[in-house]
Amino acid sequence: MTRKEMKQRAKTCLGGQIFAGKWLIALVFVLLVSAISSTASAITFGIASLLLTGPLSFGLCFVFLKQARDGKEMSFADLFKGFTANFGDNFLIALMTSIYIFLWSLLFIIPGIIKYYAYSMSYYVKADHPEMDWSECIKTSRMLMKGHKFKLFVLQLSFIGWYIVGMLCLGIGVLWVDAYYRATEAQFYDSICGRTEKEQTEPAEQTA
């Protein structure tokens, strides 16, 4: 899919209206994860965030990917699925990708950025293939992102204007943009996985 098609499909999945139910629910999910992560980091000086980042990141990817495929409303139970299903793998994906990116960044910032994009689909892979362990998810993400890192970078750049507008709305508008971007990123994952338009409009049997 083109960037325009990804964004259009994302808007459709979110209900098409920024104040519609689905978009607002997605906004609440993004805000909730951000608030939990920020609070845990501030109170425990970052220690608890190490345990929360992986499961919460997985939860966001899971709910947005599921909605991208079945178009239904998101579930709070699914958002916290990362704590009840494969917690260890979700934690290790967060920990190991952070370590890898840090080590590559020591060779100058560019290698670290490249690895960030290489590992960016790890949670989506885990959502699609719960039987894979953390290392397989990271490896699969690297394979999927070969030839697609710059595409994701450009996709992210295309949201800069939206974020600027969001900041002008007392910063609150950024929440709507975050939900929009997350929904588009899920479409990006499906696109690089080679899912057809028909498959993208059918419920995902593998996402569990």
N, C-alpha and C. Protein backbone atom coordinates (compact mmCIF):
# COMPACT_ATOMS: atom_id res chain seq x y z
N MET A 1 0.82 -1.19 0.00
CA MET A 1 0.00 0.00 0.00
C MET A 1 0.87 1.25 0.00
N THR A 2 0.35 2.32 -0.58
CA THR A 2 1.02 3.61 -0.52
C THR A 2 0.75 4.24 0.84
N ARG A 3 1.51 5.30 1.17
CA ARG A 3 1.29 6.00 2.44
C ARG A 3 -0.14 6.53 2.52
N LYS A 4 -0.62 7.06 1.39
CA LYS A 4 -1.98 7.60 1.37
C LYS A 4 -3.01 6.52 1.67
N GLU A 5 -2.81 5.33 1.10
CA GLU A 5 -3.73 4.22 1.32
C GLU A 5 -3.68 3.75 2.77
N MET A 6 -2.47 3.68 3.33
CA MET A 6 -2.34 3.28 4.74
C MET A 6 -3.08 4.24 5.65
N LYS A 7 -2.90 5.52 5.41
CA LYS A 7 -3.55 6.53 6.25
C LYS A 7 -5.06 6.48 6.09
N GLN A 8 -5.52 6.29 4.87
CA GLN A 8 -6.95 6.23 4.64
C GLN A 8 -7.58 5.03 5.33
N ARG A 9 -6.91 3.89 5.25
CA ARG A 9 -7.41 2.68 5.92
C ARG A 9 -7.39 2.87 7.43
N ALA A 10 -6.35 3.55 7.93
CA ALA A 10 -6.26 3.81 9.37
C ALA A 10 -7.42 4.68 9.83
N LYS A 11 -7.72 5.72 9.06
CA LYS A 11 -8.85 6.60 9.41
C LYS A 11 -10.16 5.82 9.40
N THR A 12 -10.31 4.95 8.42
CA THR A 12 -11.53 4.15 8.32
C THR A 12 -11.68 3.25 9.55
N CYS A 13 -10.58 2.62 9.96
CA CYS A 13 -10.61 1.74 11.13
C CYS A 13 -10.94 2.51 12.40
N LEU A 14 -10.54 3.80 12.43
CA LEU A 14 -10.80 4.63 13.61
C LEU A 14 -12.17 5.29 13.56
N GLY A 15 -12.93 4.96 12.54
CA GLY A 15 -14.29 5.49 12.46
C GLY A 15 -14.45 6.68 11.55
N GLY A 16 -13.32 7.23 11.05
CA GLY A 16 -13.39 8.33 10.10
C GLY A 16 -13.58 9.70 10.70
N GLN A 17 -14.00 9.79 11.95
CA GLN A 17 -14.23 11.07 12.62
C GLN A 17 -13.40 11.14 13.90
N ILE A 18 -12.69 12.26 14.09
CA ILE A 18 -11.77 12.35 15.23
C ILE A 18 -12.49 12.35 16.57
N PHE A 19 -13.78 12.68 16.57
CA PHE A 19 -14.52 12.65 17.82
C PHE A 19 -15.49 11.47 17.88
N ALA A 20 -15.30 10.52 16.96
CA ALA A 20 -16.13 9.31 16.96
C ALA A 20 -15.64 8.35 18.04
N GLY A 21 -16.49 7.37 18.35
CA GLY A 21 -16.19 6.45 19.43
C GLY A 21 -14.88 5.71 19.29
N LYS A 22 -14.62 5.12 18.13
CA LYS A 22 -13.43 4.30 17.95
C LYS A 22 -12.16 5.14 18.09
N TRP A 23 -12.15 6.33 17.49
CA TRP A 23 -10.97 7.19 17.57
C TRP A 23 -10.73 7.62 19.01
N LEU A 24 -11.79 7.95 19.72
CA LEU A 24 -11.64 8.37 21.12
C LEU A 24 -11.17 7.23 22.01
N ILE A 25 -11.64 6.02 21.73
CA ILE A 25 -11.19 4.86 22.49
C ILE A 25 -9.70 4.63 22.25
N ALA A 26 -9.28 4.73 20.99
CA ALA A 26 -7.87 4.57 20.65
C ALA A 26 -7.04 5.63 21.36
N LEU A 27 -7.56 6.85 21.41
CA LEU A 27 -6.88 7.95 22.10
C LEU A 27 -6.71 7.62 23.59
N VAL A 28 -7.76 7.11 24.21
CA VAL A 28 -7.70 6.76 25.63
C VAL A 28 -6.65 5.68 25.87
N PHE A 29 -6.56 4.71 24.96
CA PHE A 29 -5.59 3.64 25.12
C PHE A 29 -4.16 4.19 25.06
N VAL A 30 -3.89 5.05 24.09
CA VAL A 30 -2.57 5.64 23.96
C VAL A 30 -2.24 6.48 25.18
N LEU A 31 -3.21 7.28 25.64
CA LEU A 31 -3.01 8.13 26.82
C LEU A 31 -2.77 7.28 28.06
N LEU A 32 -3.52 6.21 28.22
CA LEU A 32 -3.39 5.35 29.39
C LEU A 32 -2.01 4.71 29.46
N VAL A 33 -1.54 4.19 28.34
CA VAL A 33 -0.21 3.56 28.31
C VAL A 33 0.87 4.59 28.61
N SER A 34 0.74 5.77 28.02
CA SER A 34 1.72 6.84 28.25
C SER A 34 1.73 7.26 29.71
N ALA A 35 0.54 7.39 30.31
CA ALA A 35 0.44 7.82 31.70
C ALA A 35 1.03 6.78 32.65
N ILE A 36 0.73 5.52 32.40
CA ILE A 36 1.25 4.45 33.26
C ILE A 36 2.77 4.39 33.18
N SER A 37 3.29 4.46 31.96
CA SER A 37 4.74 4.39 31.76
C SER A 37 5.45 5.58 32.41
N SER A 38 4.89 6.78 32.21
CA SER A 38 5.51 7.99 32.76
C SER A 38 5.47 8.00 34.28
N THR A 39 4.34 7.61 34.85
CA THR A 39 4.19 7.58 36.30
C THR A 39 5.14 6.57 36.94
N ALA A 40 5.20 5.39 36.33
CA ALA A 40 6.08 4.34 36.87
C ALA A 40 7.54 4.77 36.80
N SER A 41 7.90 5.42 35.72
CA SER A 41 9.28 5.87 35.56
C SER A 41 9.63 6.95 36.57
N ALA A 42 8.69 7.87 36.82
CA ALA A 42 8.95 8.97 37.75
C ALA A 42 9.02 8.50 39.20
N ILE A 43 8.13 7.59 39.55
CA ILE A 43 8.06 7.13 40.95
C ILE A 43 9.20 6.18 41.30
N THR A 44 9.55 5.31 40.38
CA THR A 44 10.57 4.29 40.69
C THR A 44 11.90 4.57 40.01
N PHE A 45 12.05 5.77 39.46
CA PHE A 45 13.30 6.16 38.80
C PHE A 45 13.66 5.22 37.65
N GLY A 46 12.64 4.76 36.95
CA GLY A 46 12.88 3.98 35.75
C GLY A 46 12.93 2.48 35.94
N ILE A 47 12.96 2.01 37.18
CA ILE A 47 13.08 0.57 37.42
C ILE A 47 11.82 -0.16 36.96
N ALA A 48 10.66 0.32 37.39
CA ALA A 48 9.40 -0.34 37.02
C ALA A 48 9.13 -0.25 35.53
N SER A 49 9.60 0.84 34.91
CA SER A 49 9.35 1.02 33.48
C SER A 49 9.97 -0.11 32.66
N LEU A 50 11.04 -0.72 33.17
CA LEU A 50 11.67 -1.83 32.47
C LEU A 50 10.71 -3.02 32.40
N LEU A 51 9.88 -3.18 33.43
CA LEU A 51 8.93 -4.29 33.46
C LEU A 51 7.64 -3.97 32.71
N LEU A 52 7.33 -2.68 32.59
CA LEU A 52 6.07 -2.27 31.97
C LEU A 52 6.18 -2.00 30.47
N THR A 53 7.32 -1.52 30.03
CA THR A 53 7.46 -1.10 28.63
C THR A 53 7.11 -2.19 27.64
N GLY A 54 7.68 -3.38 27.81
CA GLY A 54 7.44 -4.46 26.87
C GLY A 54 5.98 -4.88 26.79
N PRO A 55 5.37 -5.27 27.92
CA PRO A 55 3.97 -5.69 27.89
C PRO A 55 3.01 -4.61 27.40
N LEU A 56 3.24 -3.35 27.79
CA LEU A 56 2.36 -2.27 27.35
C LEU A 56 2.55 -1.98 25.86
N SER A 57 3.78 -2.01 25.38
CA SER A 57 4.05 -1.80 23.95
C SER A 57 3.42 -2.91 23.13
N PHE A 58 3.52 -4.14 23.64
CA PHE A 58 2.88 -5.26 22.96
C PHE A 58 1.37 -5.05 22.92
N GLY A 59 0.79 -4.61 24.05
CA GLY A 59 -0.65 -4.41 24.12
C GLY A 59 -1.14 -3.41 23.10
N LEU A 60 -0.42 -2.29 22.96
CA LEU A 60 -0.81 -1.29 21.97
C LEU A 60 -0.75 -1.86 20.56
N CYS A 61 0.34 -2.55 20.25
CA CYS A 61 0.48 -3.13 18.91
C CYS A 61 -0.62 -4.17 18.67
N PHE A 62 -0.94 -4.94 19.69
CA PHE A 62 -1.95 -5.99 19.57
C PHE A 62 -3.32 -5.40 19.25
N VAL A 63 -3.74 -4.39 20.02
CA VAL A 63 -5.08 -3.84 19.82
C VAL A 63 -5.21 -3.10 18.50
N PHE A 64 -4.17 -2.37 18.10
CA PHE A 64 -4.25 -1.64 16.84
C PHE A 64 -4.17 -2.59 15.64
N LEU A 65 -3.38 -3.65 15.76
CA LEU A 65 -3.31 -4.62 14.67
C LEU A 65 -4.62 -5.37 14.54
N LYS A 66 -5.19 -5.74 15.66
CA LYS A 66 -6.47 -6.45 15.65
C LYS A 66 -7.56 -5.58 15.03
N GLN A 67 -7.59 -4.29 15.42
CA GLN A 67 -8.59 -3.40 14.86
C GLN A 67 -8.37 -3.16 13.38
N ALA A 68 -7.10 -3.13 12.96
CA ALA A 68 -6.79 -2.93 11.54
C ALA A 68 -7.36 -4.06 10.69
N ARG A 69 -7.55 -5.22 11.32
CA ARG A 69 -7.99 -6.39 10.56
C ARG A 69 -9.47 -6.72 10.72
N ASP A 70 -10.04 -6.43 11.89
CA ASP A 70 -11.46 -6.77 12.04
C ASP A 70 -12.36 -5.55 12.16
N GLY A 71 -11.74 -4.36 12.33
CA GLY A 71 -12.52 -3.13 12.35
C GLY A 71 -13.39 -2.94 13.57
N LYS A 72 -13.27 -3.80 14.56
CA LYS A 72 -14.12 -3.72 15.75
C LYS A 72 -13.48 -2.79 16.79
N GLU A 73 -14.27 -2.48 17.83
CA GLU A 73 -13.76 -1.62 18.89
C GLU A 73 -12.70 -2.35 19.71
N MET A 74 -11.79 -1.57 20.26
CA MET A 74 -10.69 -2.13 21.03
C MET A 74 -11.17 -2.57 22.41
N SER A 75 -10.42 -3.51 22.98
CA SER A 75 -10.77 -4.07 24.28
C SER A 75 -9.68 -3.75 25.30
N PHE A 76 -10.09 -3.29 26.50
CA PHE A 76 -9.11 -3.03 27.55
C PHE A 76 -8.39 -4.31 27.95
N ALA A 77 -9.07 -5.44 27.88
CA ALA A 77 -8.45 -6.72 28.21
C ALA A 77 -7.30 -7.01 27.25
N ASP A 78 -7.50 -6.67 25.97
CA ASP A 78 -6.45 -6.89 24.98
C ASP A 78 -5.27 -5.95 25.21
N LEU A 79 -5.55 -4.74 25.69
CA LEU A 79 -4.48 -3.77 25.92
C LEU A 79 -3.48 -4.29 26.95
N PHE A 80 -3.98 -5.04 27.94
CA PHE A 80 -3.10 -5.55 28.99
C PHE A 80 -2.77 -7.03 28.80
N LYS A 81 -3.00 -7.51 27.60
CA LYS A 81 -2.73 -8.91 27.28
C LYS A 81 -1.25 -9.26 27.43
N GLY A 82 -0.39 -8.27 27.26
CA GLY A 82 1.04 -8.51 27.36
C GLY A 82 1.51 -8.93 28.74
N PHE A 83 0.67 -8.69 29.76
CA PHE A 83 1.02 -9.10 31.12
C PHE A 83 0.55 -10.52 31.43
N THR A 84 -0.45 -10.96 30.71
CA THR A 84 -1.02 -12.29 30.98
C THR A 84 -0.59 -13.35 29.98
N ALA A 85 -0.10 -12.92 28.84
CA ALA A 85 0.34 -13.86 27.81
C ALA A 85 1.76 -13.52 27.37
N ASN A 86 2.68 -14.45 27.60
CA ASN A 86 4.07 -14.27 27.16
C ASN A 86 4.73 -13.02 27.76
N PHE A 87 4.50 -12.79 29.04
CA PHE A 87 5.09 -11.62 29.70
C PHE A 87 6.61 -11.61 29.53
N GLY A 88 7.23 -12.76 29.74
CA GLY A 88 8.69 -12.84 29.65
C GLY A 88 9.22 -12.42 28.30
N ASP A 89 8.59 -12.90 27.23
CA ASP A 89 9.03 -12.55 25.88
C ASP A 89 8.84 -11.06 25.60
N ASN A 90 7.70 -10.50 26.05
CA ASN A 90 7.45 -9.08 25.82
C ASN A 90 8.46 -8.22 26.57
N PHE A 91 8.77 -8.63 27.79
CA PHE A 91 9.77 -7.91 28.59
C PHE A 91 11.14 -7.98 27.91
N LEU A 92 11.50 -9.17 27.43
CA LEU A 92 12.82 -9.35 26.82
C LEU A 92 12.94 -8.64 25.47
N ILE A 93 11.85 -8.53 24.74
CA ILE A 93 11.89 -7.77 23.49
C ILE A 93 12.26 -6.32 23.79
N ALA A 94 11.61 -5.75 24.81
CA ALA A 94 11.91 -4.37 25.20
C ALA A 94 13.34 -4.22 25.69
N LEU A 95 13.75 -5.14 26.57
CA LEU A 95 15.08 -5.06 27.16
C LEU A 95 16.18 -5.25 26.12
N MET A 96 16.06 -6.30 25.32
CA MET A 96 17.13 -6.63 24.38
C MET A 96 17.22 -5.64 23.23
N THR A 97 16.08 -5.18 22.73
CA THR A 97 16.14 -4.19 21.64
C THR A 97 16.76 -2.89 22.15
N SER A 98 16.46 -2.53 23.41
CA SER A 98 17.06 -1.32 24.00
C SER A 98 18.58 -1.48 24.11
N ILE A 99 19.01 -2.66 24.54
CA ILE A 99 20.44 -2.92 24.67
C ILE A 99 21.12 -2.90 23.30
N TYR A 100 20.51 -3.58 22.34
CA TYR A 100 21.09 -3.63 20.99
C TYR A 100 21.20 -2.23 20.38
N ILE A 101 20.13 -1.45 20.51
CA ILE A 101 20.13 -0.09 19.94
C ILE A 101 21.19 0.77 20.62
N PHE A 102 21.30 0.62 21.95
CA PHE A 102 22.31 1.39 22.69
C PHE A 102 23.72 1.03 22.23
N LEU A 103 23.98 -0.27 22.10
CA LEU A 103 25.32 -0.70 21.69
C LEU A 103 25.66 -0.25 20.27
N TRP A 104 24.68 -0.34 19.37
CA TRP A 104 24.91 0.13 18.01
C TRP A 104 25.10 1.64 17.97
N SER A 105 24.43 2.35 18.89
CA SER A 105 24.55 3.81 18.93
C SER A 105 25.95 4.24 19.36
N LEU A 106 26.65 3.36 20.07
CA LEU A 106 28.02 3.67 20.47
C LEU A 106 28.94 3.79 19.27
N LEU A 107 28.52 3.22 18.14
CA LEU A 107 29.31 3.30 16.91
C LEU A 107 28.98 4.56 16.12
N PHE A 108 28.31 5.50 16.72
CA PHE A 108 27.73 6.73 16.17
C PHE A 108 26.22 6.56 16.10
N ILE A 109 25.53 7.64 16.02
CA ILE A 109 24.08 7.64 16.17
C ILE A 109 23.36 6.94 15.03
N ILE A 110 23.89 7.02 13.81
CA ILE A 110 23.19 6.47 12.64
C ILE A 110 22.94 4.97 12.76
N PRO A 111 23.96 4.15 13.13
CA PRO A 111 23.68 2.71 13.27
C PRO A 111 22.58 2.42 14.28
N GLY A 112 22.53 3.19 15.35
CA GLY A 112 21.48 3.00 16.35
C GLY A 112 20.10 3.29 15.79
N ILE A 113 20.00 4.34 14.97
CA ILE A 113 18.72 4.69 14.34
C ILE A 113 18.28 3.59 13.39
N ILE A 114 19.24 3.07 12.62
CA ILE A 114 18.94 2.01 11.66
C ILE A 114 18.40 0.78 12.40
N LYS A 115 19.03 0.44 13.52
CA LYS A 115 18.58 -0.73 14.28
C LYS A 115 17.22 -0.49 14.94
N TYR A 116 16.95 0.75 15.30
CA TYR A 116 15.63 1.09 15.85
C TYR A 116 14.55 0.71 14.84
N TYR A 117 14.78 1.08 13.59
CA TYR A 117 13.79 0.74 12.55
C TYR A 117 13.78 -0.76 12.25
N ALA A 118 14.93 -1.39 12.35
CA ALA A 118 15.01 -2.83 12.08
C ALA A 118 14.19 -3.62 13.10
N TYR A 119 14.18 -3.17 14.36
CA TYR A 119 13.49 -3.90 15.41
C TYR A 119 12.05 -3.41 15.64
N SER A 120 11.62 -2.40 14.90
CA SER A 120 10.36 -1.71 15.19
C SER A 120 9.10 -2.56 15.05
N MET A 121 9.19 -3.66 14.31
CA MET A 121 8.00 -4.49 14.11
C MET A 121 7.96 -5.71 15.03
N SER A 122 8.86 -5.78 16.00
CA SER A 122 8.99 -6.96 16.85
C SER A 122 7.70 -7.30 17.60
N TYR A 123 7.02 -6.28 18.15
CA TYR A 123 5.79 -6.54 18.90
C TYR A 123 4.65 -6.96 17.98
N TYR A 124 4.63 -6.42 16.78
CA TYR A 124 3.60 -6.84 15.81
C TYR A 124 3.82 -8.30 15.44
N VAL A 125 5.06 -8.68 15.28
CA VAL A 125 5.38 -10.07 14.96
C VAL A 125 4.92 -10.98 16.10
N LYS A 126 5.17 -10.52 17.34
CA LYS A 126 4.75 -11.30 18.51
C LYS A 126 3.23 -11.43 18.56
N ALA A 127 2.53 -10.37 18.22
CA ALA A 127 1.07 -10.40 18.21
C ALA A 127 0.56 -11.37 17.14
N ASP A 128 1.24 -11.42 16.03
CA ASP A 128 0.84 -12.29 14.92
C ASP A 128 1.25 -13.74 15.17
N HIS A 129 2.37 -13.91 15.86
CA HIS A 129 2.93 -15.26 16.06
C HIS A 129 3.30 -15.45 17.53
N PRO A 130 2.32 -15.66 18.39
CA PRO A 130 2.58 -15.80 19.83
C PRO A 130 3.49 -16.98 20.16
N GLU A 131 3.62 -17.94 19.23
CA GLU A 131 4.48 -19.10 19.49
C GLU A 131 5.97 -18.77 19.39
N MET A 132 6.31 -17.64 18.77
CA MET A 132 7.71 -17.24 18.62
C MET A 132 8.24 -16.69 19.93
N ASP A 133 9.51 -16.96 20.22
CA ASP A 133 10.11 -16.35 21.41
C ASP A 133 10.66 -14.97 21.04
N TRP A 134 11.19 -14.28 22.03
CA TRP A 134 11.62 -12.89 21.82
C TRP A 134 12.68 -12.76 20.74
N SER A 135 13.63 -13.68 20.70
CA SER A 135 14.71 -13.57 19.71
C SER A 135 14.20 -13.80 18.30
N GLU A 136 13.24 -14.72 18.14
CA GLU A 136 12.66 -14.97 16.83
C GLU A 136 11.86 -13.76 16.35
N CYS A 137 11.18 -13.08 17.28
CA CYS A 137 10.41 -11.90 16.91
C CYS A 137 11.32 -10.77 16.43
N ILE A 138 12.43 -10.58 17.13
CA ILE A 138 13.39 -9.55 16.73
C ILE A 138 14.01 -9.89 15.38
N LYS A 139 14.37 -11.16 15.20
CA LYS A 139 14.97 -11.59 13.94
C LYS A 139 13.98 -11.43 12.78
N THR A 140 12.73 -11.80 13.01
CA THR A 140 11.71 -11.67 11.96
C THR A 140 11.47 -10.21 11.62
N SER A 141 11.48 -9.35 12.63
CA SER A 141 11.31 -7.92 12.39
C SER A 141 12.43 -7.40 11.51
N ARG A 142 13.66 -7.82 11.79
CA ARG A 142 14.80 -7.39 10.98
C ARG A 142 14.63 -7.82 9.53
N MET A 143 14.14 -9.03 9.33
CA MET A 143 13.95 -9.54 7.97
C MET A 143 12.84 -8.77 7.26
N LEU A 144 11.72 -8.52 7.97
CA LEU A 144 10.61 -7.80 7.37
C LEU A 144 11.00 -6.38 6.98
N MET A 145 11.87 -5.76 7.77
CA MET A 145 12.20 -4.36 7.55
C MET A 145 13.32 -4.14 6.54
N LYS A 146 13.87 -5.21 6.01
CA LYS A 146 14.88 -5.06 4.96
C LYS A 146 14.24 -4.39 3.75
N GLY A 147 14.75 -3.25 3.39
CA GLY A 147 14.20 -2.51 2.26
C GLY A 147 13.01 -1.65 2.62
N HIS A 148 12.61 -1.66 3.91
CA HIS A 148 11.43 -0.89 4.31
C HIS A 148 11.71 0.13 5.41
N LYS A 149 12.94 0.20 5.88
CA LYS A 149 13.26 1.13 6.97
C LYS A 149 13.01 2.57 6.55
N PHE A 150 13.46 2.93 5.36
CA PHE A 150 13.29 4.31 4.90
C PHE A 150 11.82 4.61 4.67
N LYS A 151 11.05 3.62 4.25
CA LYS A 151 9.62 3.82 4.03
C LYS A 151 8.92 4.17 5.34
N LEU A 152 9.31 3.50 6.43
CA LEU A 152 8.72 3.80 7.73
C LEU A 152 9.16 5.19 8.19
N PHE A 153 10.41 5.52 7.93
CA PHE A 153 10.93 6.85 8.29
C PHE A 153 10.13 7.94 7.58
N VAL A 154 9.89 7.76 6.29
CA VAL A 154 9.13 8.75 5.53
C VAL A 154 7.68 8.80 6.01
N LEU A 155 7.13 7.64 6.36
CA LEU A 155 5.77 7.60 6.89
C LEU A 155 5.68 8.42 8.17
N GLN A 156 6.66 8.27 9.03
CA GLN A 156 6.68 9.04 10.28
C GLN A 156 6.81 10.53 10.00
N LEU A 157 7.65 10.88 9.02
CA LEU A 157 7.82 12.29 8.66
C LEU A 157 6.51 12.90 8.18
N SER A 158 5.68 12.10 7.54
CA SER A 158 4.42 12.61 6.99
C SER A 158 3.44 13.02 8.09
N PHE A 159 3.74 12.67 9.34
CA PHE A 159 2.87 13.03 10.45
C PHE A 159 3.34 14.30 11.17
N ILE A 160 4.47 14.85 10.74
CA ILE A 160 5.02 16.03 11.43
C ILE A 160 4.02 17.18 11.43
N GLY A 161 3.40 17.42 10.28
CA GLY A 161 2.42 18.50 10.19
C GLY A 161 1.26 18.30 11.16
N TRP A 162 0.80 17.05 11.26
CA TRP A 162 -0.28 16.73 12.18
C TRP A 162 0.14 17.00 13.62
N TYR A 163 1.38 16.62 13.97
CA TYR A 163 1.85 16.83 15.34
C TYR A 163 2.00 18.32 15.66
N ILE A 164 2.41 19.11 14.66
CA ILE A 164 2.53 20.55 14.88
C ILE A 164 1.16 21.14 15.18
N VAL A 165 0.17 20.74 14.39
CA VAL A 165 -1.20 21.20 14.64
C VAL A 165 -1.67 20.74 16.02
N GLY A 166 -1.34 19.51 16.37
CA GLY A 166 -1.72 18.98 17.68
C GLY A 166 -1.11 19.77 18.82
N MET A 167 0.14 20.19 18.65
CA MET A 167 0.80 20.98 19.68
C MET A 167 0.17 22.36 19.82
N LEU A 168 -0.30 22.90 18.70
CA LEU A 168 -0.94 24.22 18.74
C LEU A 168 -2.27 24.18 19.49
N CYS A 169 -2.85 23.00 19.59
CA CYS A 169 -4.11 22.84 20.34
C CYS A 169 -3.81 22.52 21.79
N LEU A 170 -2.96 23.34 22.39
CA LEU A 170 -2.56 23.18 23.80
C LEU A 170 -1.89 21.84 24.07
N GLY A 171 -1.41 21.20 23.00
CA GLY A 171 -0.73 19.92 23.15
C GLY A 171 -1.67 18.74 23.22
N ILE A 172 -2.94 19.01 23.49
CA ILE A 172 -3.92 17.92 23.63
C ILE A 172 -4.15 17.21 22.31
N GLY A 173 -4.07 17.96 21.22
CA GLY A 173 -4.31 17.37 19.91
C GLY A 173 -3.33 16.27 19.53
N VAL A 174 -2.17 16.27 20.21
CA VAL A 174 -1.17 15.25 19.92
C VAL A 174 -1.72 13.85 20.21
N LEU A 175 -2.62 13.75 21.18
CA LEU A 175 -3.20 12.46 21.53
C LEU A 175 -3.97 11.87 20.35
N TRP A 176 -4.71 12.72 19.64
CA TRP A 176 -5.45 12.26 18.47
C TRP A 176 -4.49 11.80 17.38
N VAL A 177 -3.38 12.53 17.24
CA VAL A 177 -2.40 12.19 16.22
C VAL A 177 -1.70 10.89 16.57
N ASP A 178 -1.39 10.69 17.85
CA ASP A 178 -0.75 9.45 18.29
C ASP A 178 -1.61 8.23 17.93
N ALA A 179 -2.91 8.35 18.17
CA ALA A 179 -3.83 7.26 17.84
C ALA A 179 -3.85 7.02 16.33
N TYR A 180 -3.87 8.10 15.57
CA TYR A 180 -3.86 8.03 14.11
C TYR A 180 -2.59 7.36 13.61
N TYR A 181 -1.45 7.75 14.19
CA TYR A 181 -0.18 7.15 13.76
C TYR A 181 -0.12 5.66 14.09
N ARG A 182 -0.56 5.30 15.29
CA ARG A 182 -0.54 3.89 15.69
C ARG A 182 -1.37 3.04 14.74
N ALA A 183 -2.54 3.56 14.37
CA ALA A 183 -3.41 2.83 13.45
C ALA A 183 -2.75 2.69 12.08
N THR A 184 -2.03 3.72 11.66
CA THR A 184 -1.34 3.69 10.37
C THR A 184 -0.16 2.74 10.41
N GLU A 185 0.55 2.71 11.53
CA GLU A 185 1.69 1.81 11.67
C GLU A 185 1.25 0.36 11.57
N ALA A 186 0.08 0.05 12.11
CA ALA A 186 -0.46 -1.31 12.00
C ALA A 186 -0.73 -1.66 10.54
N GLN A 187 -1.21 -0.68 9.78
CA GLN A 187 -1.43 -0.88 8.35
C GLN A 187 -0.09 -1.09 7.63
N PHE A 188 0.93 -0.37 8.07
CA PHE A 188 2.27 -0.52 7.50
C PHE A 188 2.78 -1.95 7.70
N TYR A 189 2.59 -2.47 8.92
CA TYR A 189 3.02 -3.84 9.20
C TYR A 189 2.33 -4.83 8.27
N ASP A 190 1.01 -4.70 8.15
CA ASP A 190 0.27 -5.60 7.27
C ASP A 190 0.76 -5.49 5.83
N SER A 191 1.10 -4.27 5.43
CA SER A 191 1.55 -4.05 4.06
C SER A 191 2.88 -4.75 3.77
N ILE A 192 3.85 -4.62 4.69
CA ILE A 192 5.15 -5.24 4.44
C ILE A 192 5.09 -6.76 4.62
N CYS A 193 4.04 -7.23 5.31
CA CYS A 193 3.85 -8.68 5.43
C CYS A 193 3.22 -9.26 4.17
N GLY A 194 2.77 -8.36 3.29
CA GLY A 194 2.20 -8.82 2.04
C GLY A 194 0.77 -9.27 2.12
N ARG A 195 0.04 -8.83 3.18
CA ARG A 195 -1.36 -9.19 3.27
C ARG A 195 -2.16 -8.50 2.17
N THR A 196 -3.05 -9.22 1.55
CA THR A 196 -3.85 -8.66 0.47
C THR A 196 -4.96 -7.80 1.03
N GLU A 197 -5.59 -7.00 0.18
CA GLU A 197 -6.68 -6.14 0.63
C GLU A 197 -7.81 -6.98 1.21
N LYS A 198 -8.07 -8.16 0.63
CA LYS A 198 -9.13 -9.04 1.13
C LYS A 198 -8.79 -9.51 2.53
N GLU A 199 -7.53 -9.92 2.74
CA GLU A 199 -7.11 -10.41 4.06
C GLU A 199 -7.17 -9.30 5.10
N GLN A 200 -6.89 -8.06 4.67
CA GLN A 200 -6.88 -6.95 5.61
C GLN A 200 -8.28 -6.56 6.06
N THR A 201 -9.28 -6.99 5.34
CA THR A 201 -10.65 -6.68 5.73
C THR A 201 -11.32 -7.84 6.42
N GLU A 202 -10.58 -8.93 6.63
CA GLU A 202 -11.12 -10.10 7.32
C GLU A 202 -10.53 -10.20 8.72
N PRO A 203 -11.22 -10.79 9.67
CA PRO A 203 -10.67 -10.96 11.01
C PRO A 203 -9.38 -11.77 10.96
N ALA A 204 -8.42 -11.38 11.80
CA ALA A 204 -7.14 -12.09 11.83
C ALA A 204 -7.25 -13.31 12.73
N GLU A 205 -7.06 -14.47 12.16
CA GLU A 205 -7.14 -15.70 12.95
C GLU A 205 -5.87 -15.93 13.74
N GLN A 206 -4.73 -15.43 13.22
CA GLN A 206 -3.47 -15.68 13.89
C GLN A 206 -3.24 -14.75 15.06
N THR A 207 -3.84 -13.55 15.04
CA THR A 207 -3.60 -12.60 16.10
C THR A 207 -4.30 -13.06 17.37
N ALA A 208 -3.53 -13.55 18.31
CA ALA A 208 -4.14 -14.11 19.51
C ALA A 208 -3.23 -13.85 20.72
